[in-house]
Amino acid sequence: MRVFTAADFQRNVDACVGVDDAVVFDESNLEVEFIDLGLDSLAVYEVFTRLEEDLAFPIPDEDIDSLKTLGAVLRYVEGRLAETRQAG
C-alpha cells in the first residue's frame, strides 16, 4: 500500500524548480497557497506533470486548478490512491 507524503511532493517540486529555489513543503505550511509560497502557475503545472508520471495516473486540469495547497494535494492523492486500492 503506497502512501503519498509531503516529502514525495517536495521531491517533485525540487526536480521542477531546483533545490536552491524550492520552498520547503511540510506540515507547517499545509494550507498555505502555492502562489503565496513562491510557486507560480507554470511551476505548479510542471510539478503536477511530474506527479502524474510519479503516481501513474492522470490529474485533470480542472483538478489541478482546484489544488492550491499541499494539504489539498495530499488529500486528493490519498483519495485517488484509495480508489486504486479498492479497484485492485
Protein backbone atom coordinates (compact mmCIF):
# COMPACT_ATOMS: atom_id res chain seq x y z
CA MET A 1 0.00 0.00 0.00
CA ARG A 2 1.54 3.28 -1.14
CA VAL A 3 1.28 6.49 0.83
CA PHE A 4 1.95 9.92 -0.67
CA THR A 5 3.69 12.34 1.68
CA ALA A 6 4.88 15.93 1.83
CA ALA A 7 8.39 14.58 1.13
CA ASP A 8 7.11 13.00 -2.11
CA PHE A 9 5.64 16.33 -3.15
CA GLN A 10 8.89 18.08 -2.18
CA ARG A 11 10.93 15.78 -4.42
CA ASN A 12 8.73 16.70 -7.37
CA VAL A 13 8.99 20.43 -6.62
CA ASP A 14 12.77 20.19 -6.26
CA ALA A 15 13.02 18.40 -9.62
CA CYS A 16 10.95 21.09 -11.35
CA VAL A 17 12.18 24.35 -9.83
CA GLY A 18 15.52 23.31 -8.41
CA VAL A 19 16.53 22.67 -4.84
CA ASP A 20 18.06 26.12 -4.41
CA ASP A 21 14.84 27.86 -5.43
CA ALA A 22 12.33 25.49 -3.85
CA VAL A 23 10.31 26.27 -0.77
CA VAL A 24 10.18 23.59 1.90
CA PHE A 25 6.82 21.82 1.96
CA ASP A 26 5.91 20.30 5.30
CA GLU A 27 3.24 20.28 7.99
CA SER A 28 3.91 23.95 8.83
CA ASN A 29 2.51 25.17 5.51
CA LEU A 30 -0.11 22.56 4.61
CA GLU A 31 -2.83 25.13 3.96
CA VAL A 32 -0.75 27.99 2.53
CA GLU A 33 -1.46 28.52 -1.17
CA PHE A 34 1.32 27.66 -3.60
CA ILE A 35 1.35 31.18 -5.02
CA ASP A 36 1.99 32.56 -1.52
CA LEU A 37 4.93 30.15 -1.19
CA GLY A 38 6.51 31.38 -4.42
CA LEU A 39 5.28 28.81 -6.95
CA ASP A 40 3.78 30.47 -10.00
CA SER A 41 1.16 28.76 -12.15
CA LEU A 42 3.74 27.43 -14.63
CA ALA A 43 5.77 25.82 -11.84
CA VAL A 44 2.61 24.29 -10.38
CA TYR A 45 1.71 22.70 -13.74
CA GLU A 46 5.25 21.38 -14.12
CA VAL A 47 5.04 19.81 -10.66
CA PHE A 48 1.70 18.20 -11.46
CA THR A 49 3.05 16.83 -14.74
CA ARG A 50 5.82 15.12 -12.77
CA LEU A 51 3.30 13.93 -10.19
CA GLU A 52 1.25 12.27 -12.92
CA GLU A 53 4.34 10.36 -14.03
CA ASP A 54 5.34 9.51 -10.46
CA LEU A 55 1.86 8.38 -9.42
CA ALA A 56 0.98 6.71 -12.73
CA PHE A 57 -2.46 8.29 -13.02
CA PRO A 58 -3.69 11.42 -14.80
CA ILE A 59 -4.68 14.53 -12.90
CA PRO A 60 -7.24 16.52 -14.92
CA ASP A 61 -6.56 20.24 -15.44
CA GLU A 62 -9.74 21.18 -13.58
CA ASP A 63 -8.49 19.22 -10.57
CA ILE A 64 -5.07 20.89 -10.77
CA ASP A 65 -6.76 24.29 -10.82
CA SER A 66 -8.54 23.48 -7.54
CA LEU A 67 -5.47 22.07 -5.76
CA LYS A 68 -3.89 25.20 -4.35
CA THR A 69 -2.21 23.90 -1.17
CA LEU A 70 -0.08 20.96 -0.10
CA GLY A 71 -2.87 19.78 2.19
CA ALA A 72 -5.32 19.74 -0.71
CA VAL A 73 -2.84 17.78 -2.84
CA LEU A 74 -2.19 15.22 -0.08
CA ARG A 75 -5.94 14.67 0.44
CA TYR A 76 -6.57 14.43 -3.31
CA VAL A 77 -3.75 11.96 -3.96
CA GLU A 78 -4.72 9.82 -0.95
CA GLY A 79 -8.28 9.69 -2.29
CA ARG A 80 -7.11 8.68 -5.74
CA LEU A 81 -4.76 6.04 -4.30
CA ALA A 82 -7.61 4.69 -2.15
CA GLU A 83 -9.77 4.36 -5.29
CA THR A 84 -6.95 2.44 -6.98
CA ARG A 85 -6.57 0.10 -3.99
CA GLN A 86 -10.33 -0.57 -3.92
CA ALA A 87 -10.45 -1.24 -7.65
CA GLY A 88 -7.46 -3.59 -7.48
